[in-house]
Amino acid sequence: MRSRETAVKRKGLAKTILLISQIAFSMLAPIGLGGVIGYFLDRWLGTSFLILVFLLMGIAAGYRSVWQLVKGYTKDAPQDTEPRRTEKRSPAEEEFERWKREKDRKGHDA
């Protein structure tokens, strides 16, 4: 039993480390690529502003990539949709919830 818990914890740790490394790579790769492209275009065209333009584009692409990665990760995580209640519901509240569920079910079936 204990080895199963340890295996689950290790798997969770491995997924967390993988996510962190993906975030780092997803942020740094576009910035570095944009800087390199801007640098060589500046040298080729004899300008001095393209490195800044491509660095900013790389930063924007990196943030977008990280946003999508984190959004996808949180989408897969279990979410609590209803708050937990510690107190007992009154009969009126229970009846209202039952009525609401039936109404929703009838609305989806139609």
PDB file of N, CA and C in Angstrom:
ATOM      1  N   MET A   1       0.830  -1.196   0.000  1.00  0.00           N
ATOM      2  CA  MET A   1       0.000   0.000   0.000  1.00  0.00           C
ATOM      3  C   MET A   1       0.866   1.248   0.000  1.00  0.00           C
ATOM      4  N   ARG A   2       1.898   1.214   0.813  1.00  0.00           N
ATOM      5  CA  ARG A   2       2.763   2.382   0.932  1.00  0.00           C
ATOM      6  C   ARG A   2       3.538   2.636  -0.362  1.00  0.00           C
ATOM      7  N   SER A   3       3.922   1.576  -1.053  1.00  0.00           N
ATOM      8  CA  SER A   3       4.664   1.739  -2.297  1.00  0.00           C
ATOM      9  C   SER A   3       3.782   2.368  -3.377  1.00  0.00           C
ATOM     10  N   ARG A   4       2.482   2.081  -3.349  1.00  0.00           N
ATOM     11  CA  ARG A   4       1.556   2.686  -4.314  1.00  0.00           C
ATOM     12  C   ARG A   4       1.452   4.194  -4.076  1.00  0.00           C
ATOM     13  N   GLU A   5       1.369   4.603  -2.808  1.00  0.00           N
ATOM     14  CA  GLU A   5       1.315   6.024  -2.483  1.00  0.00           C
ATOM     15  C   GLU A   5       2.593   6.726  -2.922  1.00  0.00           C
ATOM     16  N   THR A   6       3.724   6.068  -2.699  1.00  0.00           N
ATOM     17  CA  THR A   6       5.003   6.633  -3.114  1.00  0.00           C
ATOM     18  C   THR A   6       5.063   6.764  -4.632  1.00  0.00           C
ATOM     19  N   ALA A   7       4.563   5.767  -5.345  1.00  0.00           N
ATOM     20  CA  ALA A   7       4.562   5.818  -6.809  1.00  0.00           C
ATOM     21  C   ALA A   7       3.682   6.955  -7.311  1.00  0.00           C
ATOM     22  N   VAL A   8       2.525   7.160  -6.670  1.00  0.00           N
ATOM     23  CA  VAL A   8       1.634   8.245  -7.076  1.00  0.00           C
ATOM     24  C   VAL A   8       2.290   9.592  -6.824  1.00  0.00           C
ATOM     25  N   LYS A   9       2.956   9.737  -5.678  1.00  0.00           N
ATOM     26  CA  LYS A   9       3.643  10.992  -5.373  1.00  0.00           C
ATOM     27  C   LYS A   9       4.775  11.256  -6.365  1.00  0.00           C
ATOM     28  N   ARG A  10       5.516  10.216  -6.719  1.00  0.00           N
ATOM     29  CA  ARG A  10       6.610  10.376  -7.679  1.00  0.00           C
ATOM     30  C   ARG A  10       6.074  10.768  -9.054  1.00  0.00           C
ATOM     31  N   LYS A  11       4.960  10.168  -9.438  1.00  0.00           N
ATOM     32  CA  LYS A  11       4.365  10.506 -10.730  1.00  0.00           C
ATOM     33  C   LYS A  11       3.914  11.969 -10.739  1.00  0.00           C
ATOM     34  N   GLY A  12       3.322  12.414  -9.636  1.00  0.00           N
ATOM     35  CA  GLY A  12       2.908  13.818  -9.528  1.00  0.00           C
ATOM     36  C   GLY A  12       4.109  14.749  -9.570  1.00  0.00           C
ATOM     37  N   LEU A  13       5.184  14.376  -8.901  1.00  0.00           N
ATOM     38  CA  LEU A  13       6.399  15.181  -8.911  1.00  0.00           C
ATOM     39  C   LEU A  13       7.004  15.229 -10.309  1.00  0.00           C
ATOM     40  N   ALA A  14       7.007  14.102 -10.990  1.00  0.00           N
ATOM     41  CA  ALA A  14       7.547  14.061 -12.350  1.00  0.00           C
ATOM     42  C   ALA A  14       6.731  14.941 -13.296  1.00  0.00           C
ATOM     43  N   LYS A  15       5.396  14.919 -13.152  1.00  0.00           N
ATOM     44  CA  LYS A  15       4.552  15.765 -14.004  1.00  0.00           C
ATOM     45  C   LYS A  15       4.801  17.235 -13.716  1.00  0.00           C
ATOM     46  N   THR A  16       5.016  17.582 -12.443  1.00  0.00           N
ATOM     47  CA  THR A  16       5.283  18.969 -12.084  1.00  0.00           C
ATOM     48  C   THR A  16       6.617  19.428 -12.656  1.00  0.00           C
ATOM     49  N   ILE A  17       7.633  18.617 -12.530  1.00  0.00           N
ATOM     50  CA  ILE A  17       8.951  18.964 -13.084  1.00  0.00           C
ATOM     51  C   ILE A  17       8.870  19.095 -14.595  1.00  0.00           C
ATOM     52  N   LEU A  18       8.140  18.215 -15.240  1.00  0.00           N
ATOM     53  CA  LEU A  18       7.964  18.283 -16.690  1.00  0.00           C
ATOM     54  C   LEU A  18       7.268  19.579 -17.094  1.00  0.00           C
ATOM     55  N   LEU A  19       6.231  19.960 -16.359  1.00  0.00           N
ATOM     56  CA  LEU A  19       5.522  21.202 -16.661  1.00  0.00           C
ATOM     57  C   LEU A  19       6.435  22.408 -16.502  1.00  0.00           C
ATOM     58  N   ILE A  20       7.220  22.437 -15.440  1.00  0.00           N
ATOM     59  CA  ILE A  20       8.134  23.567 -15.217  1.00  0.00           C
ATOM     60  C   ILE A  20       9.161  23.658 -16.338  1.00  0.00           C
ATOM     61  N   SER A  21       9.709  22.520 -16.752  1.00  0.00           N
ATOM     62  CA  SER A  21      10.702  22.558 -17.835  1.00  0.00           C
ATOM     63  C   SER A  21      10.052  22.959 -19.162  1.00  0.00           C
ATOM     64  N   GLN A  22       8.805  22.533 -19.391  1.00  0.00           N
ATOM     65  CA  GLN A  22       8.115  22.948 -20.609  1.00  0.00           C
ATOM     66  C   GLN A  22       7.861  24.454 -20.608  1.00  0.00           C
ATOM     67  N   ILE A  23       7.493  24.991 -19.453  1.00  0.00           N
ATOM     68  CA  ILE A  23       7.255  26.435 -19.361  1.00  0.00           C
ATOM     69  C   ILE A  23       8.549  27.195 -19.651  1.00  0.00           C
ATOM     70  N   ALA A  24       9.652  26.740 -19.055  1.00  0.00           N
ATOM     71  CA  ALA A  24      10.938  27.415 -19.278  1.00  0.00           C
ATOM     72  C   ALA A  24      11.329  27.373 -20.756  1.00  0.00           C
ATOM     73  N   PHE A  25      11.227  26.209 -21.369  1.00  0.00           N
ATOM     74  CA  PHE A  25      11.601  26.085 -22.782  1.00  0.00           C
ATOM     75  C   PHE A  25      10.650  26.878 -23.674  1.00  0.00           C
ATOM     76  N   SER A  26       9.359  26.844 -23.352  1.00  0.00           N
ATOM     77  CA  SER A  26       8.370  27.565 -24.163  1.00  0.00           C
ATOM     78  C   SER A  26       8.555  29.069 -24.076  1.00  0.00           C
ATOM     79  N   MET A  27       9.153  29.549 -23.014  1.00  0.00           N
ATOM     80  CA  MET A  27       9.389  30.979 -22.871  1.00  0.00           C
ATOM     81  C   MET A  27      10.734  31.383 -23.496  1.00  0.00           C
ATOM     82  N   LEU A  28      11.762  30.587 -23.258  1.00  0.00           N
ATOM     83  CA  LEU A  28      13.102  30.976 -23.696  1.00  0.00           C
ATOM     84  C   LEU A  28      13.360  30.751 -25.186  1.00  0.00           C
ATOM     85  N   ALA A  29      12.803  29.705 -25.761  1.00  0.00           N
ATOM     86  CA  ALA A  29      13.069  29.406 -27.170  1.00  0.00           C
ATOM     87  C   ALA A  29      12.599  30.517 -28.111  1.00  0.00           C
ATOM     88  N   PRO A  30      11.370  31.023 -28.011  1.00  0.00           N
ATOM     89  CA  PRO A  30      10.963  32.097 -28.920  1.00  0.00           C
ATOM     90  C   PRO A  30      11.748  33.390 -28.712  1.00  0.00           C
ATOM     91  N   ILE A  31      12.111  33.695 -27.463  1.00  0.00           N
ATOM     92  CA  ILE A  31      12.888  34.917 -27.204  1.00  0.00           C
ATOM     93  C   ILE A  31      14.265  34.793 -27.836  1.00  0.00           C
ATOM     94  N   GLY A  32      14.912  33.646 -27.626  1.00  0.00           N
ATOM     95  CA  GLY A  32      16.239  33.443 -28.222  1.00  0.00           C
ATOM     96  C   GLY A  32      16.193  33.442 -29.736  1.00  0.00           C
ATOM     97  N   LEU A  33      15.198  32.785 -30.295  1.00  0.00           N
ATOM     98  CA  LEU A  33      15.068  32.736 -31.750  1.00  0.00           C
ATOM     99  C   LEU A  33      14.804  34.135 -32.321  1.00  0.00           C
ATOM    100  N   GLY A  34      13.942  34.889 -31.658  1.00  0.00           N
ATOM    101  CA  GLY A  34      13.678  36.257 -32.112  1.00  0.00           C
ATOM    102  C   GLY A  34      14.912  37.130 -32.041  1.00  0.00           C
ATOM    103  N   GLY A  35      15.694  36.975 -30.971  1.00  0.00           N
ATOM    104  CA  GLY A  35      16.935  37.750 -30.847  1.00  0.00           C
ATOM    105  C   GLY A  35      17.941  37.417 -31.926  1.00  0.00           C
ATOM    106  N   VAL A  36      18.088  36.138 -32.208  1.00  0.00           N
ATOM    107  CA  VAL A  36      19.045  35.708 -33.240  1.00  0.00           C
ATOM    108  C   VAL A  36      18.608  36.202 -34.615  1.00  0.00           C
ATOM    109  N   ILE A  37      17.335  36.051 -34.940  1.00  0.00           N
ATOM    110  CA  ILE A  37      16.834  36.518 -36.240  1.00  0.00           C
ATOM    111  C   ILE A  37      17.019  38.029 -36.362  1.00  0.00           C
ATOM    112  N   GLY A  38      16.665  38.768 -35.298  1.00  0.00           N
ATOM    113  CA  GLY A  38      16.819  40.221 -35.328  1.00  0.00           C
ATOM    114  C   GLY A  38      18.274  40.651 -35.476  1.00  0.00           C
ATOM    115  N   TYR A  39      19.166  39.964 -34.781  1.00  0.00           N
ATOM    116  CA  TYR A  39      20.595  40.290 -34.853  1.00  0.00           C
ATOM    117  C   TYR A  39      21.129  40.105 -36.276  1.00  0.00           C
ATOM    118  N   PHE A  40      20.819  38.961 -36.887  1.00  0.00           N
ATOM    119  CA  PHE A  40      21.336  38.707 -38.232  1.00  0.00           C
ATOM    120  C   PHE A  40      20.669  39.600 -39.281  1.00  0.00           C
ATOM    121  N   LEU A  41      19.401  39.910 -39.108  1.00  0.00           N
ATOM    122  CA  LEU A  41      18.768  40.853 -40.033  1.00  0.00           C
ATOM    123  C   LEU A  41      19.362  42.251 -39.900  1.00  0.00           C
ATOM    124  N   ASP A  42      19.673  42.662 -38.668  1.00  0.00           N
ATOM    125  CA  ASP A  42      20.330  43.954 -38.464  1.00  0.00           C
ATOM    126  C   ASP A  42      21.691  43.991 -39.148  1.00  0.00           C
ATOM    127  N   ARG A  43      22.456  42.923 -39.009  1.00  0.00           N
ATOM    128  CA  ARG A  43      23.778  42.884 -39.662  1.00  0.00           C
ATOM    129  C   ARG A  43      23.644  42.878 -41.172  1.00  0.00           C
ATOM    130  N   TRP A  44      22.683  42.139 -41.687  1.00  0.00           N
ATOM    131  CA  TRP A  44      22.511  41.999 -43.132  1.00  0.00           C
ATOM    132  C   TRP A  44      21.997  43.293 -43.758  1.00  0.00           C
ATOM    133  N   LEU A  45      21.043  43.953 -43.085  1.00  0.00           N
ATOM    134  CA  LEU A  45      20.435  45.162 -43.640  1.00  0.00           C
ATOM    135  C   LEU A  45      21.112  46.452 -43.176  1.00  0.00           C
ATOM    136  N   GLY A  46      22.026  46.343 -42.232  1.00  0.00           N
ATOM    137  CA  GLY A  46      22.729  47.522 -41.738  1.00  0.00           C
ATOM    138  C   GLY A  46      21.859  48.403 -40.840  1.00  0.00           C
ATOM    139  N   THR A  47      20.908  47.828 -40.163  1.00  0.00           N
ATOM    140  CA  THR A  47      20.026  48.585 -39.255  1.00  0.00           C
ATOM    141  C   THR A  47      20.393  48.243 -37.809  1.00  0.00           C
ATOM    142  N   SER A  48      19.691  48.882 -36.877  1.00  0.00           N
ATOM    143  CA  SER A  48      19.984  48.590 -35.475  1.00  0.00           C
ATOM    144  C   SER A  48      18.711  48.413 -34.633  1.00  0.00           C
ATOM    145  N   PHE A  49      17.547  48.382 -35.260  1.00  0.00           N
ATOM    146  CA  PHE A  49      16.308  48.308 -34.497  1.00  0.00           C
ATOM    147  C   PHE A  49      15.598  46.951 -34.626  1.00  0.00           C
ATOM    148  N   LEU A  50      15.981  46.163 -35.594  1.00  0.00           N
ATOM    149  CA  LEU A  50      15.262  44.907 -35.821  1.00  0.00           C
ATOM    150  C   LEU A  50      15.444  43.902 -34.685  1.00  0.00           C
ATOM    151  N   ILE A  51      16.587  43.966 -34.002  1.00  0.00           N
ATOM    152  CA  ILE A  51      16.766  43.045 -32.883  1.00  0.00           C
ATOM    153  C   ILE A  51      15.731  43.312 -31.798  1.00  0.00           C
ATOM    154  N   LEU A  52      15.428  44.588 -31.563  1.00  0.00           N
ATOM    155  CA  LEU A  52      14.419  44.938 -30.566  1.00  0.00           C
ATOM    156  C   LEU A  52      13.026  44.473 -31.009  1.00  0.00           C
ATOM    157  N   VAL A  53      12.716  44.680 -32.271  1.00  0.00           N
ATOM    158  CA  VAL A  53      11.410  44.269 -32.805  1.00  0.00           C
ATOM    159  C   VAL A  53      11.237  42.758 -32.675  1.00  0.00           C
ATOM    160  N   PHE A  54      12.241  42.006 -33.073  1.00  0.00           N
ATOM    161  CA  PHE A  54      12.130  40.550 -33.027  1.00  0.00           C
ATOM    162  C   PHE A  54      12.197  40.007 -31.599  1.00  0.00           C
ATOM    163  N   LEU A  55      12.922  40.699 -30.712  1.00  0.00           N
ATOM    164  CA  LEU A  55      12.906  40.296 -29.307  1.00  0.00           C
ATOM    165  C   LEU A  55      11.512  40.487 -28.714  1.00  0.00           C
ATOM    166  N   LEU A  56      10.871  41.602 -29.008  1.00  0.00           N
ATOM    167  CA  LEU A  56       9.514  41.842 -28.512  1.00  0.00           C
ATOM    168  C   LEU A  56       8.530  40.819 -29.081  1.00  0.00           C
ATOM    169  N   MET A  57       8.696  40.486 -30.351  1.00  0.00           N
ATOM    170  CA  MET A  57       7.837  39.457 -30.939  1.00  0.00           C
ATOM    171  C   MET A  57       8.085  38.098 -30.272  1.00  0.00           C
ATOM    172  N   GLY A  58       9.338  37.801 -29.957  1.00  0.00           N
ATOM    173  CA  GLY A  58       9.666  36.557 -29.274  1.00  0.00           C
ATOM    174  C   GLY A  58       9.083  36.511 -27.869  1.00  0.00           C
ATOM    175  N   ILE A  59       9.132  37.646 -27.154  1.00  0.00           N
ATOM    176  CA  ILE A  59       8.545  37.709 -25.821  1.00  0.00           C
ATOM    177  C   ILE A  59       7.045  37.477 -25.896  1.00  0.00           C
ATOM    178  N   ALA A  60       6.393  38.121 -26.851  1.00  0.00           N
ATOM    179  CA  ALA A  60       4.943  37.938 -27.010  1.00  0.00           C
ATOM    180  C   ALA A  60       4.611  36.482 -27.353  1.00  0.00           C
ATOM    181  N   ALA A  61       5.382  35.884 -28.246  1.00  0.00           N
ATOM    182  CA  ALA A  61       5.144  34.485 -28.612  1.00  0.00           C
ATOM    183  C   ALA A  61       5.396  33.558 -27.421  1.00  0.00           C
ATOM    184  N   GLY A  62       6.408  33.861 -26.618  1.00  0.00           N
ATOM    185  CA  GLY A  62       6.698  33.053 -25.436  1.00  0.00           C
ATOM    186  C   GLY A  62       5.578  33.124 -24.415  1.00  0.00           C
ATOM    187  N   TYR A  63       5.087  34.334 -24.156  1.00  0.00           N
ATOM    188  CA  TYR A  63       3.984  34.471 -23.211  1.00  0.00           C
ATOM    189  C   TYR A  63       2.727  33.756 -23.712  1.00  0.00           C
ATOM    190  N   ARG A  64       2.474  33.859 -25.001  1.00  0.00           N
ATOM    191  CA  ARG A  64       1.298  33.174 -25.568  1.00  0.00           C
ATOM    192  C   ARG A  64       1.440  31.658 -25.424  1.00  0.00           C
ATOM    193  N   SER A  65       2.617  31.159 -25.677  1.00  0.00           N
ATOM    194  CA  SER A  65       2.865  29.727 -25.574  1.00  0.00           C
ATOM    195  C   SER A  65       2.701  29.240 -24.131  1.00  0.00           C
ATOM    196  N   VAL A  66       3.248  29.995 -23.191  1.00  0.00           N
ATOM    197  CA  VAL A  66       3.118  29.624 -21.781  1.00  0.00           C
ATOM    198  C   VAL A  66       1.660  29.703 -21.355  1.00  0.00           C
ATOM    199  N   TRP A  67       0.938  30.727 -21.811  1.00  0.00           N
ATOM    200  CA  TRP A  67      -0.473  30.865 -21.465  1.00  0.00           C
ATOM    201  C   TRP A  67      -1.264  29.644 -21.928  1.00  0.00           C
ATOM    202  N   GLN A  68      -1.039  29.214 -23.163  1.00  0.00           N
ATOM    203  CA  GLN A  68      -1.752  28.051 -23.686  1.00  0.00           C
ATOM    204  C   GLN A  68      -1.375  26.777 -22.935  1.00  0.00           C
ATOM    205  N   LEU A  69      -0.113  26.659 -22.579  1.00  0.00           N
ATOM    206  CA  LEU A  69       0.351  25.481 -21.857  1.00  0.00           C
ATOM    207  C   LEU A  69      -0.296  25.402 -20.476  1.00  0.00           C
ATOM    208  N   VAL A  70      -0.305  26.506 -19.762  1.00  0.00           N
ATOM    209  CA  VAL A  70      -0.887  26.528 -18.418  1.00  0.00           C
ATOM    210  C   VAL A  70      -2.405  26.389 -18.491  1.00  0.00           C
ATOM    211  N   LYS A  71      -3.011  27.007 -19.482  1.00  0.00           N
ATOM    212  CA  LYS A  71      -4.463  26.892 -19.639  1.00  0.00           C
ATOM    213  C   LYS A  71      -4.856  25.438 -19.902  1.00  0.00           C
ATOM    214  N   GLY A  72      -4.107  24.743 -20.724  1.00  0.00           N
ATOM    215  CA  GLY A  72      -4.380  23.338 -20.988  1.00  0.00           C
ATOM    216  C   GLY A  72      -4.144  22.470 -19.766  1.00  0.00           C
ATOM    217  N   TYR A  73      -3.145  22.811 -18.977  1.00  0.00           N
ATOM    218  CA  TYR A  73      -2.850  22.036 -17.769  1.00  0.00           C
ATOM    219  C   TYR A  73      -3.949  22.229 -16.727  1.00  0.00           C
ATOM    220  N   THR A  74      -4.415  23.452 -16.541  1.00  0.00           N
ATOM    221  CA  THR A  74      -5.460  23.698 -15.549  1.00  0.00           C
ATOM    222  C   THR A  74      -6.810  23.183 -16.021  1.00  0.00           C
ATOM    223  N   LYS A  75      -6.998  23.087 -17.330  1.00  0.00           N
ATOM    224  CA  LYS A  75      -8.249  22.549 -17.867  1.00  0.00           C
ATOM    225  C   LYS A  75      -8.392  21.071 -17.509  1.00  0.00           C
ATOM    226  N   ASP A  76      -7.266  20.346 -17.490  1.00  0.00           N
ATOM    227  CA  ASP A  76      -7.292  18.922 -17.173  1.00  0.00           C
ATOM    228  C   ASP A  76      -7.399  18.659 -15.674  1.00  0.00           C
ATOM    229  N   ALA A  77      -7.072  19.648 -14.848  1.00  0.00           N
ATOM    230  CA  ALA A  77      -7.097  19.456 -13.398  1.00  0.00           C
ATOM    231  C   ALA A  77      -8.536  19.396 -12.909  1.00  0.00           C
ATOM    232  N   PRO A  78      -8.799  18.577 -11.901  1.00  0.00           N
ATOM    233  CA  PRO A  78     -10.165  18.522 -11.373  1.00  0.00           C
ATOM    234  C   PRO A  78     -10.541  19.838 -10.712  1.00  0.00           C
ATOM    235  N   GLN A  79     -11.756  20.258 -10.940  1.00  0.00           N
ATOM    236  CA  GLN A  79     -12.223  21.532 -10.409  1.00  0.00           C
ATOM    237  C   GLN A  79     -13.425  21.295  -9.508  1.00  0.00           C
ATOM    238  N   ASP A  80     -13.494  22.040  -8.429  1.00  0.00           N
ATOM    239  CA  ASP A  80     -14.669  22.028  -7.579  1.00  0.00           C
ATOM    240  C   ASP A  80     -15.640  23.048  -8.126  1.00  0.00           C
ATOM    241  N   THR A  81     -16.782  22.596  -8.609  1.00  0.00           N
ATOM    242  CA  THR A  81     -17.741  23.526  -9.194  1.00  0.00           C
ATOM    243  C   THR A  81     -18.689  24.090  -8.152  1.00  0.00           C
ATOM    244  N   GLU A  82     -18.944  23.327  -7.106  1.00  0.00           N
ATOM    245  CA  GLU A  82     -19.842  23.802  -6.067  1.00  0.00           C
ATOM    246  C   GLU A  82     -19.066  23.917  -4.764  1.00  0.00           C
ATOM    247  N   PRO A  83     -19.322  24.984  -4.004  1.00  0.00           N
ATOM    248  CA  PRO A  83     -18.631  25.109  -2.721  1.00  0.00           C
ATOM    249  C   PRO A  83     -19.101  24.034  -1.749  1.00  0.00           C
ATOM    250  N   ARG A  84     -18.203  23.624  -0.902  1.00  0.00           N
ATOM    251  CA  ARG A  84     -18.556  22.624   0.095  1.00  0.00           C
ATOM    252  C   ARG A  84     -19.318  23.292   1.225  1.00  0.00           C
ATOM    253  N   ARG A  85     -20.355  22.629   1.648  1.00  0.00           N
ATOM    254  CA  ARG A  85     -21.161  23.161   2.742  1.00  0.00           C
ATOM    255  C   ARG A  85     -20.964  22.287   3.965  1.00  0.00           C
ATOM    256  N   THR A  86     -20.752  22.934   5.073  1.00  0.00           N
ATOM    257  CA  THR A  86     -20.594  22.175   6.309  1.00  0.00           C
ATOM    258  C   THR A  86     -21.905  22.090   7.074  1.00  0.00           C
ATOM    259  N   GLU A  87     -22.762  23.108   6.929  1.00  0.00           N
ATOM    260  CA  GLU A  87     -24.030  23.070   7.652  1.00  0.00           C
ATOM    261  C   GLU A  87     -25.062  22.274   6.859  1.00  0.00           C
ATOM    262  N   LYS A  88     -26.052  21.804   7.571  1.00  0.00           N
ATOM    263  CA  LYS A  88     -27.096  20.999   6.948  1.00  0.00           C
ATOM    264  C   LYS A  88     -28.092  21.910   6.245  1.00  0.00           C
ATOM    265  N   ARG A  89     -28.573  21.466   5.093  1.00  0.00           N
ATOM    266  CA  ARG A  89     -29.551  22.253   4.344  1.00  0.00           C
ATOM    267  C   ARG A  89     -30.933  22.112   4.955  1.00  0.00           C
ATOM    268  N   SER A  90     -31.697  23.167   4.814  1.00  0.00           N
ATOM    269  CA  SER A  90     -33.082  23.114   5.274  1.00  0.00           C
ATOM    270  C   SER A  90     -33.898  22.339   4.242  1.00  0.00           C
ATOM    271  N   PRO A  91     -35.067  21.840   4.637  1.00  0.00           N
ATOM    272  CA  PRO A  91     -35.913  21.124   3.676  1.00  0.00           C
ATOM    273  C   PRO A  91     -36.296  21.992   2.477  1.00  0.00           C
ATOM    274  N   ALA A  92     -36.476  23.276   2.698  1.00  0.00           N
ATOM    275  CA  ALA A  92     -36.820  24.169   1.590  1.00  0.00           C
ATOM    276  C   ALA A  92     -35.667  24.261   0.592  1.00  0.00           C
ATOM    277  N   GLU A  93     -34.427  24.336   1.091  1.00  0.00           N
ATOM    278  CA  GLU A  93     -33.271  24.394   0.193  1.00  0.00           C
ATOM    279  C   GLU A  93     -33.127  23.099  -0.598  1.00  0.00           C
ATOM    280  N   GLU A  94     -33.337  21.977   0.069  1.00  0.00           N
ATOM    281  CA  GLU A  94     -33.247  20.694  -0.627  1.00  0.00           C
ATOM    282  C   GLU A  94     -34.320  20.573  -1.702  1.00  0.00           C
ATOM    283  N   GLU A  95     -35.524  21.029  -1.414  1.00  0.00           N
ATOM    284  CA  GLU A  95     -36.612  20.992  -2.396  1.00  0.00           C
ATOM    285  C   GLU A  95     -36.293  21.896  -3.586  1.00  0.00           C
ATOM    286  N   PHE A  96     -35.755  23.074  -3.304  1.00  0.00           N
ATOM    287  CA  PHE A  96     -35.384  23.989  -4.388  1.00  0.00           C
ATOM    288  C   PHE A  96     -34.313  23.364  -5.275  1.00  0.00           C
ATOM    289  N   GLU A  97     -33.294  22.748  -4.693  1.00  0.00           N
ATOM    290  CA  GLU A  97     -32.237  22.109  -5.478  1.00  0.00           C
ATOM    291  C   GLU A  97     -32.801  20.978  -6.333  1.00  0.00           C
ATOM    292  N   ARG A  98     -33.724  20.176  -5.766  1.00  0.00           N
ATOM    293  CA  ARG A  98     -34.359  19.099  -6.526  1.00  0.00           C
ATOM    294  C   ARG A  98     -35.146  19.665  -7.706  1.00  0.00           C
ATOM    295  N   TRP A  99     -35.894  20.730  -7.458  1.00  0.00           N
ATOM    296  CA  TRP A  99     -36.678  21.378  -8.515  1.00  0.00           C
ATOM    297  C   TRP A  99     -35.762  21.933  -9.606  1.00  0.00           C
ATOM    298  N   LYS A 100     -34.666  22.542  -9.180  1.00  0.00           N
ATOM    299  CA  LYS A 100     -33.726  23.122 -10.141  1.00  0.00           C
ATOM    300  C   LYS A 100     -33.097  22.035 -11.016  1.00  0.00           C
ATOM    301  N   ARG A 101     -32.719  20.900 -10.438  1.00  0.00           N
ATOM    302  CA  ARG A 101     -32.143  19.796 -11.213  1.00  0.00           C
ATOM    303  C   ARG A 101     -33.142  19.245 -12.223  1.00  0.00           C
ATOM    304  N   GLU A 102     -34.392  19.099 -11.794  1.00  0.00           N
ATOM    305  CA  GLU A 102     -35.422  18.604 -12.715  1.00  0.00           C
ATOM    306  C   GLU A 102     -35.662  19.583 -13.855  1.00  0.00           C
ATOM    307  N   LYS A 103     -35.682  20.857 -13.538  1.00  0.00           N
ATOM    308  CA  LYS A 103     -35.883  21.878 -14.564  1.00  0.00           C
ATOM    309  C   LYS A 103     -34.739  21.859 -15.572  1.00  0.00           C
ATOM    310  N   ASP A 104     -33.511  21.751 -15.078  1.00  0.00           N
ATOM    311  CA  ASP A 104     -32.351  21.685 -15.962  1.00  0.00           C
ATOM    312  C   ASP A 104     -32.395  20.433 -16.835  1.00  0.00           C
ATOM    313  N   ARG A 105     -32.798  19.310 -16.259  1.00  0.00           N
ATOM    314  CA  ARG A 105     -32.879  18.069 -17.007  1.00  0.00           C
ATOM    315  C   ARG A 105     -33.929  18.169 -18.116  1.00  0.00           C
ATOM    316  N   LYS A 106     -35.069  18.747 -17.812  1.00  0.00           N
ATOM    317  CA  LYS A 106     -36.119  18.904 -18.824  1.00  0.00           C
ATOM    318  C   LYS A 106     -35.696  19.857 -19.909  1.00  0.00           C
ATOM    319  N   GLY A 107     -34.948  20.895 -19.561  1.00  0.00           N
ATOM    320  CA  GLY A 107     -34.466  21.857 -20.546  1.00  0.00           C
ATOM    321  C   GLY A 107     -33.462  21.247 -21.504  1.00  0.00           C
ATOM    322  N   HIS A 108     -32.642  20.330 -21.022  1.00  0.00           N
ATOM    323  CA  HIS A 108     -31.631  19.681 -21.863  1.00  0.00           C
ATOM    324  C   HIS A 108     -32.259  18.609 -22.743  1.00  0.00           C
ATOM    325  N   ASP A 109     -33.324  17.994 -22.282  1.00  0.00           N
ATOM    326  CA  ASP A 109     -33.968  16.924 -23.062  1.00  0.00           C
ATOM    327  C   ASP A 109     -34.779  17.489 -24.222  1.00  0.00           C
ATOM    328  N   ALA A 110     -35.255  18.710 -24.098  1.00  0.00           N
ATOM    329  CA  ALA A 110     -36.132  19.286 -25.123  1.00  0.00           C
ATOM    330  C   ALA A 110     -35.407  19.640 -26.378  1.00  0.00           C
TER     331      ALA A 110
END
